[in-house]
Amino acid sequence: MGTISLRNAGHRAGEILFSNLNLVIGDGDHVGLVAPNGRGKSTLLRAVAGLAELSDGEVTRSRGLTIGYVPQDVPAASLGETLTAFVAGALDAAILDAESWRVDVVLDELAIPPAFREKPLHQLSGGWQRMALLARCWVTQPDALLLDEPTNHLDLGRILLLEQWLSYAARGLPVVIASHDRAFLDATTNRTLFLRPSEPVYLPLAYGAARAELDQLDRAAEAQRERDLKQVAQWRRQAAKLTNIGINSGSDLLTVKSKQLRDRAEKLEAQVQDAHRDRTGLVRLGNSGAEARVMMAFENVPIAAPDGTPLFSIDKLHVFQGDRIVLLGRNGSGKSQFMRVVTEALGGREVPGLKISPQLAPGYLDQALAWLPLDPSPLDYLLHRFDEGDRRTIALLAGAGFPPDRQSRPIRTLSLGQRARVALLALRLARPNFYLLDEPTNHLDIPGQEQLEADIRDQGATTILVTHDRAFLKAVGTRFLLIERRRLVEVDGPDGFLAEMAL
């Protein structure tokens, strides 16, 4: 039996990220690792893999246990290698000739097309690079798996394939998965670890059930905290009253009792736990509103690939004010090209058959964040683009999770999660009434995703959305459009398409 044990594990990076972590992960334990961005998930995975040191505690592994670790990105030095060479590079050179057949077996198992196998990694999409990382890990036949954000850059079909693969290939292994994809965690885990600065919470449940249990525990802890603080206040009032009476009456006994009450109050107050608050730097969106009933109208609009190959056509579509449209379709069906056509039309290019309300004020958010400049700092970028003033902009950035020392660093030095928060803040300050969102949750942690869901619903802004995040699309969508047989058709909901993708 292979086990991974953590004893009093903790880590600091200027502040406490997590502490007091005691845990044993055994065969068949598939653990979802959940925490806001920047709270130590990747550090913990690297420590378990033996690639990093924690500030406190210890990590032990069963004797002889081999661990397969899948990081978020291909090392820059490996991007020039072909996919096959990159995967084969994980094997010991002494056995490579005899064991090279395993590379093809793993690539077949993960359904990596032969056409991609001899291409340099830098020519492949982030999704295929992610599959190459997984194949490189799996070809070594590890006894345990550690996956860091495995669904990032994957389309829905690849995510479903990965879910199925984990359910049979890694079924009996210890597995730890750091992910913000709630549906993926529900499908692939049977335990959940919520990393917290003081007391991490470990529950023998998949994410959805574990989150519900955690919320209940937090509510109970908050109620107990309120009761304890109320008791502390009562004892202090009683102590003050007894002190006054004792002084006026000259009673030493009342003075002693007053001190006892104060001591009890101080002891209980010292034991009161602060309520847990995730420090995620949430950003709330805004909406400038619109009077128009129809925000966008399509009639006989063809959607084609960049080389002119027809993908599908839109016979007739009206996007009404307040619609939240989710675009569904298989990989390569034309979702990205549809978003490109709409983006270009909003930018002023004339698209025959597409009419846009003059009241429409667009806001964009895409997974690449390509429109976000990299050289200025978040503070300089927002000050230059929006007339909010220094003091308010600094306060807004602080509220979005950027302390003053980080506000002046170039955007290129920020993590993708931090860049996404800058982009969301810019989107909020622009106050659009029409959101065009292309994989908006890719770099958001779970609290950030939930805040974005709530804002889109509450603000009432019209939205067109492409996402592989099943929980997000179900929470946000009011209309669902499916690219099917080269036509865009409206369907009642996403379930039929999702079921078909799972086959």
Protein backbone atom coordinates (compact mmCIF):
# COMPACT_ATOMS: atom_id res chain seq x y z
CA MET A 1 0.00 0.00 0.00
CA GLY A 2 1.38 3.42 -0.98
CA THR A 3 0.81 6.37 1.32
CA ILE A 4 1.73 10.04 1.50
CA SER A 5 1.77 11.54 4.99
CA LEU A 6 1.86 15.17 6.08
CA ARG A 7 2.57 16.03 9.70
CA ASN A 8 2.10 19.54 11.07
CA ALA A 9 2.78 20.80 7.56
CA GLY A 10 2.67 24.51 6.89
CA HIS A 11 4.14 27.18 4.66
CA ARG A 12 4.81 30.89 4.85
CA ALA A 13 5.57 33.33 2.05
CA GLY A 14 5.58 36.64 3.87
CA GLU A 15 2.34 35.49 5.50
CA ILE A 16 0.96 32.13 6.58
CA LEU A 17 -0.50 30.31 3.56
CA PHE A 18 -1.47 27.16 5.45
CA SER A 19 -0.55 25.47 8.72
CA ASN A 20 -1.32 22.54 11.02
CA LEU A 21 -1.90 20.16 8.12
CA ASN A 22 -2.01 16.53 9.26
CA LEU A 23 -3.09 14.06 6.63
CA VAL A 24 -2.53 10.56 5.27
CA ILE A 25 -3.38 9.89 1.61
CA GLY A 26 -3.62 6.22 0.68
CA ASP A 27 -4.47 3.98 -2.25
CA GLY A 28 -7.70 5.00 -3.96
CA ASP A 29 -7.84 8.37 -2.20
CA HIS A 30 -8.50 11.00 -4.87
CA VAL A 31 -8.13 14.32 -3.08
CA GLY A 32 -9.34 17.64 -4.46
CA LEU A 33 -7.04 20.45 -3.28
CA VAL A 34 -9.02 23.69 -3.00
CA ALA A 35 -7.92 27.20 -2.06
CA PRO A 36 -7.96 30.69 -3.57
CA ASN A 37 -5.14 31.64 -5.93
CA GLY A 38 -1.83 32.25 -4.21
CA ARG A 39 -2.68 30.27 -1.07
CA GLY A 40 -0.13 27.47 -1.45
CA LYS A 41 -1.70 24.73 -3.59
CA SER A 42 1.18 24.48 -6.07
CA THR A 43 3.74 24.77 -3.28
CA LEU A 44 2.13 21.88 -1.41
CA LEU A 45 2.06 19.70 -4.53
CA ARG A 46 5.72 20.43 -5.24
CA ALA A 47 6.62 19.63 -1.64
CA VAL A 48 4.80 16.29 -1.81
CA ALA A 49 6.64 15.58 -5.08
CA GLY A 50 9.96 16.33 -3.37
CA LEU A 51 10.62 19.44 -5.47
CA ALA A 52 10.16 22.08 -2.76
CA GLU A 53 10.53 22.53 0.99
CA LEU A 54 7.76 23.59 3.33
CA SER A 55 8.36 26.14 6.08
CA ASP A 56 7.01 23.81 8.76
CA GLY A 57 6.32 20.14 9.35
CA GLU A 58 7.28 17.17 7.26
CA VAL A 59 6.17 15.15 4.26
CA THR A 60 6.85 11.40 4.18
CA ARG A 61 6.17 8.82 1.50
CA SER A 62 6.04 5.04 1.64
CA ARG A 63 9.38 3.41 0.92
CA GLY A 64 9.82 3.03 -2.83
CA LEU A 65 6.73 5.09 -3.70
CA THR A 66 7.21 6.85 -7.05
CA ILE A 67 5.28 10.05 -7.58
CA GLY A 68 4.13 11.45 -10.90
CA TYR A 69 3.82 15.23 -10.82
CA VAL A 70 2.10 17.18 -13.61
CA PRO A 71 2.89 20.93 -13.36
CA GLN A 72 0.87 23.68 -15.00
CA ASP A 73 3.30 24.46 -17.82
CA VAL A 74 5.89 22.80 -20.04
CA PRO A 75 9.40 24.01 -19.07
CA ALA A 76 10.58 26.69 -21.50
CA ALA A 77 13.70 24.64 -22.30
CA SER A 78 11.52 21.78 -23.58
CA LEU A 79 9.26 23.75 -25.92
CA GLY A 80 11.51 22.99 -28.90
CA GLU A 81 11.18 19.23 -28.43
CA THR A 82 8.61 17.19 -30.31
CA LEU A 83 5.75 15.86 -28.23
CA THR A 84 7.03 12.28 -28.58
CA ALA A 85 10.59 13.20 -27.61
CA PHE A 86 9.33 15.17 -24.61
CA VAL A 87 7.33 12.20 -23.33
CA ALA A 88 10.16 9.74 -24.01
CA GLY A 89 12.55 12.00 -22.12
CA ALA A 90 10.95 10.93 -18.86
CA LEU A 91 12.29 7.37 -19.31
CA ASP A 92 15.72 6.33 -18.11
CA ALA A 93 18.14 6.56 -21.04
CA ALA A 94 19.44 3.08 -20.22
CA ILE A 95 16.06 1.48 -20.91
CA LEU A 96 14.75 3.87 -23.56
CA ASP A 97 15.40 1.60 -26.54
CA ALA A 98 13.76 -1.39 -24.88
CA GLU A 99 10.85 0.56 -23.36
CA SER A 100 10.11 3.16 -26.06
CA TRP A 101 6.97 1.23 -27.03
CA ARG A 102 5.41 2.53 -23.82
CA VAL A 103 5.43 6.04 -25.25
CA ASP A 104 3.11 5.07 -28.12
CA VAL A 105 0.87 3.10 -25.74
CA VAL A 106 0.43 6.12 -23.46
CA LEU A 107 -0.13 8.53 -26.36
CA ASP A 108 -2.81 6.18 -27.70
CA GLU A 109 -4.34 5.83 -24.23
CA LEU A 110 -4.66 9.61 -23.94
CA ALA A 111 -5.99 9.88 -27.52
CA ILE A 112 -3.24 12.22 -28.72
CA PRO A 113 -3.55 12.34 -32.54
CA PRO A 114 -0.57 10.98 -34.53
CA ALA A 115 -0.43 14.26 -36.49
CA PHE A 116 0.59 16.12 -33.32
CA ARG A 117 3.17 13.68 -32.01
CA GLU A 118 6.12 14.84 -34.11
CA LYS A 119 5.37 18.55 -33.84
CA PRO A 120 7.48 20.79 -31.57
CA LEU A 121 5.60 21.60 -28.40
CA HIS A 122 5.74 25.35 -29.07
CA GLN A 123 3.57 24.77 -32.15
CA LEU A 124 0.86 23.06 -30.11
CA SER A 125 -1.96 24.68 -28.16
CA GLY A 126 -1.88 24.96 -24.39
CA GLY A 127 -4.36 22.08 -24.22
CA TRP A 128 -2.13 19.68 -26.16
CA GLN A 129 0.88 20.80 -24.14
CA ARG A 130 -1.10 19.88 -21.03
CA MET A 131 -1.79 16.41 -22.45
CA ALA A 132 1.94 16.05 -23.22
CA LEU A 133 2.75 16.79 -19.58
CA LEU A 134 0.28 14.14 -18.45
CA ALA A 135 1.69 11.59 -20.91
CA ARG A 136 5.26 12.32 -19.76
CA CYS A 137 4.19 11.67 -16.19
CA TRP A 138 2.17 8.52 -16.93
CA VAL A 139 4.82 6.84 -19.10
CA THR A 140 6.97 6.40 -15.96
CA GLN A 141 4.22 4.26 -14.36
CA PRO A 142 4.06 6.23 -11.09
CA ASP A 143 2.51 4.90 -7.88
CA ALA A 144 0.80 8.23 -7.11
CA LEU A 145 -0.36 11.23 -9.15
CA LEU A 146 -0.21 14.95 -8.38
CA LEU A 147 -2.04 17.16 -10.90
CA ASP A 148 -1.78 20.96 -10.83
CA GLU A 149 -4.74 22.60 -12.62
CA PRO A 150 -5.03 19.73 -15.14
CA THR A 151 -8.06 21.15 -17.01
CA ASN A 152 -6.56 24.55 -17.83
CA HIS A 153 -6.57 25.10 -21.63
CA LEU A 154 -8.45 21.83 -22.26
CA ASP A 155 -11.68 21.87 -24.24
CA LEU A 156 -14.72 20.07 -22.88
CA GLY A 157 -14.06 16.90 -24.86
CA ARG A 158 -10.53 16.58 -23.43
CA ILE A 159 -11.81 17.29 -19.91
CA LEU A 160 -14.37 14.49 -20.19
CA LEU A 161 -11.70 12.15 -21.58
CA LEU A 162 -9.43 13.03 -18.65
CA GLU A 163 -12.25 12.32 -16.20
CA GLN A 164 -12.82 8.90 -17.72
CA TRP A 165 -9.10 8.16 -17.80
CA LEU A 166 -8.67 9.01 -14.12
CA SER A 167 -11.66 6.81 -13.22
CA TYR A 168 -10.07 3.66 -14.65
CA ALA A 169 -6.33 4.16 -15.15
CA ALA A 170 -5.66 5.85 -11.81
CA ARG A 171 -8.56 4.36 -9.88
CA GLY A 172 -6.47 2.60 -7.19
CA LEU A 173 -3.69 5.19 -6.87
CA PRO A 174 -3.31 8.03 -4.40
CA VAL A 175 -4.19 11.13 -6.44
CA VAL A 176 -4.13 14.81 -5.48
CA ILE A 177 -5.74 17.31 -7.86
CA ALA A 178 -5.45 21.08 -7.47
CA SER A 179 -8.24 22.57 -9.58
CA HIS A 180 -10.80 25.36 -9.79
CA ASP A 181 -13.08 23.29 -12.06
CA ARG A 182 -15.92 22.32 -9.74
CA ALA A 183 -17.58 19.81 -12.08
CA PHE A 184 -14.21 18.14 -12.73
CA LEU A 185 -13.52 17.85 -9.00
CA ASP A 186 -16.95 16.30 -8.45
CA ALA A 187 -16.31 13.74 -11.18
CA THR A 188 -12.77 12.75 -10.18
CA THR A 189 -12.35 13.06 -6.41
CA ASN A 190 -13.71 11.35 -3.31
CA ARG A 191 -12.05 13.60 -0.75
CA THR A 192 -11.50 17.35 -0.47
CA LEU A 193 -8.81 19.34 1.32
CA PHE A 194 -9.58 23.03 1.85
CA LEU A 195 -6.25 24.79 2.52
CA ARG A 196 -6.54 27.55 5.13
CA PRO A 197 -4.00 29.63 7.06
CA SER A 198 -5.00 28.30 10.49
CA GLU A 199 -6.81 24.97 10.29
CA PRO A 200 -7.14 23.20 6.93
CA VAL A 201 -10.35 21.22 6.56
CA TYR A 202 -10.25 17.66 5.16
CA LEU A 203 -13.54 15.94 4.34
CA PRO A 204 -14.15 12.45 2.86
CA LEU A 205 -16.44 13.89 0.19
CA ALA A 206 -16.21 15.12 -3.40
CA TYR A 207 -16.12 18.88 -3.85
CA GLY A 208 -19.84 19.72 -4.07
CA ALA A 209 -20.83 17.76 -0.96
CA ALA A 210 -17.66 18.85 0.85
CA ARG A 211 -18.34 22.51 0.10
CA ALA A 212 -21.86 22.21 1.50
CA GLU A 213 -20.48 20.54 4.65
CA LEU A 214 -17.76 23.19 4.96
CA ASP A 215 -20.28 26.01 4.68
CA GLN A 216 -22.31 24.39 7.46
CA LEU A 217 -19.21 24.03 9.64
CA ASP A 218 -18.29 27.68 9.02
CA ARG A 219 -21.80 28.84 9.93
CA ALA A 220 -21.70 26.80 13.13
CA ALA A 221 -18.25 28.18 13.99
CA GLU A 222 -19.44 31.74 13.35
CA ALA A 223 -22.50 31.19 15.57
CA GLN A 224 -20.27 29.81 18.35
CA ARG A 225 -17.95 32.78 17.94
CA GLU A 226 -20.86 35.18 18.35
CA ARG A 227 -22.06 33.34 21.47
CA ASP A 228 -18.57 33.39 22.98
CA LEU A 229 -18.09 37.09 22.30
CA LYS A 230 -21.50 37.81 23.80
CA GLN A 231 -20.51 35.86 26.91
CA VAL A 232 -17.21 37.75 27.13
CA ALA A 233 -19.04 41.07 26.98
CA GLN A 234 -21.50 39.93 29.67
CA TRP A 235 -18.73 38.83 32.04
CA ARG A 236 -16.88 42.12 31.54
CA ARG A 237 -20.04 44.10 32.34
CA GLN A 238 -20.63 41.99 35.45
CA ALA A 239 -16.99 42.40 36.51
CA ALA A 240 -17.19 46.18 36.12
CA LYS A 241 -20.41 46.29 38.14
CA LEU A 242 -18.94 44.14 40.94
CA THR A 243 -15.82 46.31 41.00
CA ASN A 244 -17.88 49.47 41.51
CA ILE A 245 -19.97 47.86 44.23
CA GLY A 246 -16.87 46.46 45.92
CA ILE A 247 -15.15 49.84 45.93
CA ASN A 248 -18.20 51.61 47.30
CA SER A 249 -18.87 48.97 49.96
CA GLY A 250 -15.24 48.14 50.72
CA SER A 251 -15.92 44.44 50.02
CA ASP A 252 -12.76 42.49 49.23
CA LEU A 253 -14.90 39.46 48.29
CA LEU A 254 -16.62 41.37 45.48
CA THR A 255 -13.26 42.61 44.23
CA VAL A 256 -11.98 39.01 44.09
CA LYS A 257 -15.11 37.87 42.23
CA SER A 258 -14.72 40.75 39.79
CA LYS A 259 -11.14 39.68 39.04
CA GLN A 260 -12.29 36.08 38.54
CA LEU A 261 -14.89 37.22 36.00
CA ARG A 262 -12.31 39.33 34.15
CA ASP A 263 -9.93 36.37 34.06
CA ARG A 264 -12.68 34.11 32.69
CA ALA A 265 -13.53 36.73 30.05
CA GLU A 266 -9.89 37.08 28.98
CA LYS A 267 -9.41 33.31 28.81
CA LEU A 268 -12.53 32.80 26.69
CA GLU A 269 -11.69 35.78 24.46
CA ALA A 270 -8.24 34.33 23.80
CA GLN A 271 -9.86 31.07 22.68
CA VAL A 272 -12.37 32.69 20.32
CA GLN A 273 -11.55 31.74 16.72
CA ASP A 274 -11.62 34.47 14.11
CA ALA A 275 -14.20 33.73 11.43
CA HIS A 276 -12.55 32.35 8.29
CA ARG A 277 -12.54 34.72 5.33
CA ASP A 278 -10.98 33.78 2.01
CA ARG A 279 -8.72 36.65 0.96
CA THR A 280 -9.35 36.32 -2.74
CA GLY A 281 -9.41 39.89 -3.98
CA LEU A 282 -12.90 39.61 -5.45
CA VAL A 283 -13.88 42.15 -8.10
CA ARG A 284 -17.52 43.06 -8.68
CA LEU A 285 -18.62 43.97 -12.19
CA GLY A 286 -20.70 46.95 -13.20
CA ASN A 287 -23.36 47.64 -15.83
CA SER A 288 -24.12 50.93 -17.54
CA GLY A 289 -27.58 49.75 -18.57
CA ALA A 290 -29.33 49.99 -21.92
CA GLU A 291 -32.75 50.99 -23.19
CA ALA A 292 -32.65 48.93 -26.39
CA ARG A 293 -34.71 45.75 -26.56
CA VAL A 294 -32.56 44.05 -29.22
CA MET A 295 -28.84 44.43 -28.62
CA MET A 296 -27.63 42.42 -31.62
CA ALA A 297 -29.34 40.82 -34.63
CA PHE A 298 -27.95 38.21 -37.05
CA GLU A 299 -29.53 37.26 -40.36
CA ASN A 300 -27.85 34.89 -42.82
CA VAL A 301 -24.39 35.42 -41.33
CA PRO A 302 -21.78 32.83 -42.39
CA ILE A 303 -19.00 31.89 -39.98
CA ALA A 304 -15.79 30.68 -41.63
CA ALA A 305 -12.30 29.59 -40.61
CA PRO A 306 -9.41 32.03 -41.20
CA ASP A 307 -8.64 30.26 -44.50
CA GLY A 308 -12.23 30.78 -45.67
CA THR A 309 -13.50 27.24 -45.01
CA PRO A 310 -17.22 27.46 -44.08
CA LEU A 311 -17.93 26.32 -40.52
CA PHE A 312 -21.60 27.13 -39.90
CA SER A 313 -24.23 29.73 -40.67
CA ILE A 314 -26.60 31.77 -38.54
CA ASP A 315 -29.98 31.94 -40.24
CA LYS A 316 -31.63 34.30 -37.78
CA LEU A 317 -30.75 35.26 -34.22
CA HIS A 318 -31.82 38.14 -32.00
CA VAL A 319 -29.84 38.83 -28.84
CA PHE A 320 -32.19 40.61 -26.45
CA GLN A 321 -31.24 42.93 -23.62
CA GLY A 322 -30.50 40.79 -20.55
CA ASP A 323 -29.94 37.52 -22.46
CA ARG A 324 -27.11 35.38 -21.14
CA ILE A 325 -26.24 33.18 -24.12
CA VAL A 326 -23.97 30.15 -23.83
CA LEU A 327 -22.46 28.94 -27.12
CA LEU A 328 -22.06 25.14 -27.25
CA GLY A 329 -20.19 23.05 -29.81
CA ARG A 330 -17.47 20.50 -30.28
CA ASN A 331 -13.86 21.54 -30.59
CA GLY A 332 -13.29 22.97 -34.08
CA SER A 333 -16.98 23.61 -34.74
CA GLY A 334 -16.47 27.38 -34.94
CA LYS A 335 -17.04 28.83 -31.47
CA SER A 336 -13.79 30.80 -31.52
CA GLN A 337 -14.49 32.10 -35.03
CA PHE A 338 -17.98 33.23 -33.97
CA MET A 339 -16.45 35.15 -31.07
CA ARG A 340 -13.87 36.66 -33.45
CA VAL A 341 -16.60 37.85 -35.85
CA VAL A 342 -18.56 39.45 -33.00
CA THR A 343 -15.42 41.04 -31.56
CA GLU A 344 -14.46 42.53 -34.92
CA ALA A 345 -17.99 43.80 -35.48
CA LEU A 346 -17.97 45.47 -32.06
CA GLY A 347 -14.63 47.01 -33.04
CA GLY A 348 -16.20 48.67 -36.08
CA ARG A 349 -15.77 46.15 -38.91
CA GLU A 350 -18.90 45.81 -41.04
CA VAL A 351 -20.26 42.25 -41.06
CA PRO A 352 -23.04 41.71 -43.62
CA GLY A 353 -26.21 40.55 -41.89
CA LEU A 354 -25.11 41.62 -38.40
CA LYS A 355 -26.72 44.68 -36.80
CA ILE A 356 -25.64 46.12 -33.45
CA SER A 357 -27.57 48.53 -31.23
CA PRO A 358 -25.87 51.93 -30.95
CA GLN A 359 -26.51 51.74 -27.20
CA LEU A 360 -24.34 48.65 -26.83
CA ALA A 361 -21.22 49.23 -24.69
CA PRO A 362 -19.05 46.11 -24.92
CA GLY A 363 -16.71 44.54 -22.40
CA TYR A 364 -14.35 41.67 -23.21
CA LEU A 365 -12.71 38.94 -21.18
CA ASP A 366 -10.84 36.10 -22.85
CA GLN A 367 -8.59 33.31 -21.61
CA ALA A 368 -5.45 34.72 -23.25
CA LEU A 369 -5.98 38.23 -21.80
CA ALA A 370 -4.32 39.34 -25.02
CA TRP A 371 -5.70 42.89 -24.78
CA LEU A 372 -4.08 43.48 -21.38
CA PRO A 373 -0.76 45.36 -21.77
CA LEU A 374 2.22 43.72 -20.05
CA ASP A 375 4.67 46.59 -19.58
CA PRO A 376 2.78 49.03 -17.34
CA SER A 377 1.98 48.27 -13.73
CA PRO A 378 -1.66 47.64 -12.72
CA LEU A 379 -1.71 51.11 -11.14
CA ASP A 380 -0.31 52.92 -14.19
CA TYR A 381 -2.58 51.00 -16.57
CA LEU A 382 -5.77 51.81 -14.68
CA LEU A 383 -4.78 55.43 -14.03
CA HIS A 384 -4.06 55.95 -17.73
CA ARG A 385 -7.23 54.25 -18.96
CA PHE A 386 -9.80 55.43 -16.39
CA ASP A 387 -10.35 58.78 -14.73
CA GLU A 388 -10.66 57.48 -11.18
CA GLY A 389 -7.84 59.36 -9.46
CA ASP A 390 -4.83 58.02 -7.56
CA ARG A 391 -6.44 57.41 -4.19
CA ARG A 392 -9.50 55.57 -5.49
CA THR A 393 -7.48 53.46 -7.96
CA ILE A 394 -5.06 52.40 -5.20
CA ALA A 395 -8.03 51.48 -3.01
CA LEU A 396 -9.70 49.52 -5.83
CA LEU A 397 -6.51 47.55 -6.47
CA ALA A 398 -6.13 46.84 -2.76
CA GLY A 399 -9.70 45.55 -2.70
CA ALA A 400 -8.85 43.32 -5.67
CA GLY A 401 -6.05 41.67 -3.70
CA PHE A 402 -3.08 43.90 -4.64
CA PRO A 403 -1.25 45.42 -1.66
CA PRO A 404 0.61 48.66 -2.45
CA ASP A 405 3.94 46.94 -3.14
CA ARG A 406 2.39 44.79 -5.88
CA GLN A 407 0.47 47.60 -7.56
CA SER A 408 3.64 49.06 -9.09
CA ARG A 409 5.09 45.85 -10.54
CA PRO A 410 4.82 45.33 -14.32
CA ILE A 411 1.77 43.28 -15.28
CA ARG A 412 4.05 40.75 -17.02
CA THR A 413 5.46 39.76 -13.60
CA LEU A 414 2.01 38.84 -12.26
CA SER A 415 0.56 35.35 -12.27
CA LEU A 416 -2.26 34.63 -14.71
CA GLY A 417 -4.71 34.64 -11.81
CA GLN A 418 -3.51 38.11 -10.78
CA ARG A 419 -3.70 39.35 -14.38
CA ALA A 420 -7.28 38.08 -14.54
CA ARG A 421 -8.12 40.19 -11.48
CA VAL A 422 -6.64 43.28 -13.17
CA ALA A 423 -8.70 42.49 -16.28
CA LEU A 424 -11.87 42.09 -14.21
CA LEU A 425 -11.22 45.39 -12.47
CA ALA A 426 -10.76 47.11 -15.84
CA LEU A 427 -13.99 45.49 -17.02
CA ARG A 428 -15.78 46.79 -13.94
CA LEU A 429 -14.52 50.35 -14.44
CA ALA A 430 -15.55 50.30 -18.12
CA ARG A 431 -19.16 49.59 -17.00
CA PRO A 432 -20.24 47.74 -20.15
CA ASN A 433 -23.82 46.62 -20.78
CA PHE A 434 -22.71 43.75 -23.02
CA TYR A 435 -20.18 41.10 -21.97
CA LEU A 436 -18.32 38.96 -24.49
CA LEU A 437 -16.65 36.23 -22.43
CA ASP A 438 -14.33 33.59 -23.93
CA GLU A 439 -13.33 31.01 -21.29
CA PRO A 440 -13.50 33.67 -18.54
CA THR A 441 -12.95 31.24 -15.65
CA ASN A 442 -9.64 29.79 -16.88
CA HIS A 443 -7.49 31.73 -14.43
CA LEU A 444 -10.05 32.43 -11.70
CA ASP A 445 -10.16 30.55 -8.42
CA ILE A 446 -13.48 29.15 -7.18
CA PRO A 447 -14.48 32.25 -5.13
CA GLY A 448 -13.66 34.37 -8.18
CA GLN A 449 -15.80 32.16 -10.41
CA GLU A 450 -18.72 32.34 -7.99
CA GLN A 451 -18.41 36.13 -7.73
CA LEU A 452 -18.38 36.44 -11.52
CA GLU A 453 -21.47 34.21 -11.73
CA ALA A 454 -23.32 36.34 -9.20
CA ASP A 455 -22.30 39.61 -10.86
CA ILE A 456 -23.39 38.51 -14.33
CA ARG A 457 -26.76 37.41 -12.95
CA ASP A 458 -27.28 40.44 -10.72
CA GLN A 459 -26.10 43.18 -13.10
CA GLY A 460 -28.49 42.17 -15.86
CA ALA A 461 -25.95 42.85 -18.60
CA THR A 462 -26.37 41.00 -21.89
CA THR A 463 -23.78 38.24 -22.21
CA ILE A 464 -22.42 35.90 -24.88
CA LEU A 465 -20.28 33.21 -23.31
CA VAL A 466 -18.01 30.37 -24.40
CA THR A 467 -16.77 28.15 -21.58
CA HIS A 468 -15.80 24.55 -20.84
CA ASP A 469 -16.71 25.08 -17.17
CA ARG A 470 -19.94 23.12 -16.75
CA ALA A 471 -20.81 24.53 -13.34
CA PHE A 472 -20.32 28.08 -14.61
CA LEU A 473 -22.37 27.73 -17.79
CA LYS A 474 -25.26 26.12 -15.90
CA ALA A 475 -25.22 28.85 -13.26
CA VAL A 476 -25.09 31.74 -15.75
CA GLY A 477 -26.86 30.73 -18.96
CA THR A 478 -30.45 31.66 -19.82
CA ARG A 479 -30.23 30.70 -23.51
CA PHE A 480 -28.16 27.93 -25.08
CA LEU A 481 -27.08 27.91 -28.73
CA LEU A 482 -25.57 24.75 -30.23
CA ILE A 483 -23.42 24.52 -33.36
CA GLU A 484 -24.77 21.38 -34.99
CA ARG A 485 -24.58 20.16 -38.60
CA ARG A 486 -23.12 23.50 -39.68
CA ARG A 487 -26.02 25.50 -38.29
CA LEU A 488 -26.58 27.44 -35.10
CA VAL A 489 -29.68 26.12 -33.33
CA GLU A 490 -31.24 27.00 -29.99
CA VAL A 491 -31.63 24.16 -27.46
CA ASP A 492 -33.46 23.97 -24.14
CA GLY A 493 -30.31 23.50 -22.09
CA PRO A 494 -26.77 22.12 -22.06
CA ASP A 495 -27.49 18.64 -20.68
CA GLY A 496 -28.08 16.92 -24.02
CA PHE A 497 -24.86 18.28 -25.49
CA LEU A 498 -22.86 17.42 -22.36
CA ALA A 499 -24.24 13.88 -22.35
CA GLU A 500 -23.31 13.47 -26.02
CA MET A 501 -19.78 14.72 -25.34
CA ALA A 502 -19.39 12.14 -22.57
CA LEU A 503 -20.05 9.20 -24.93
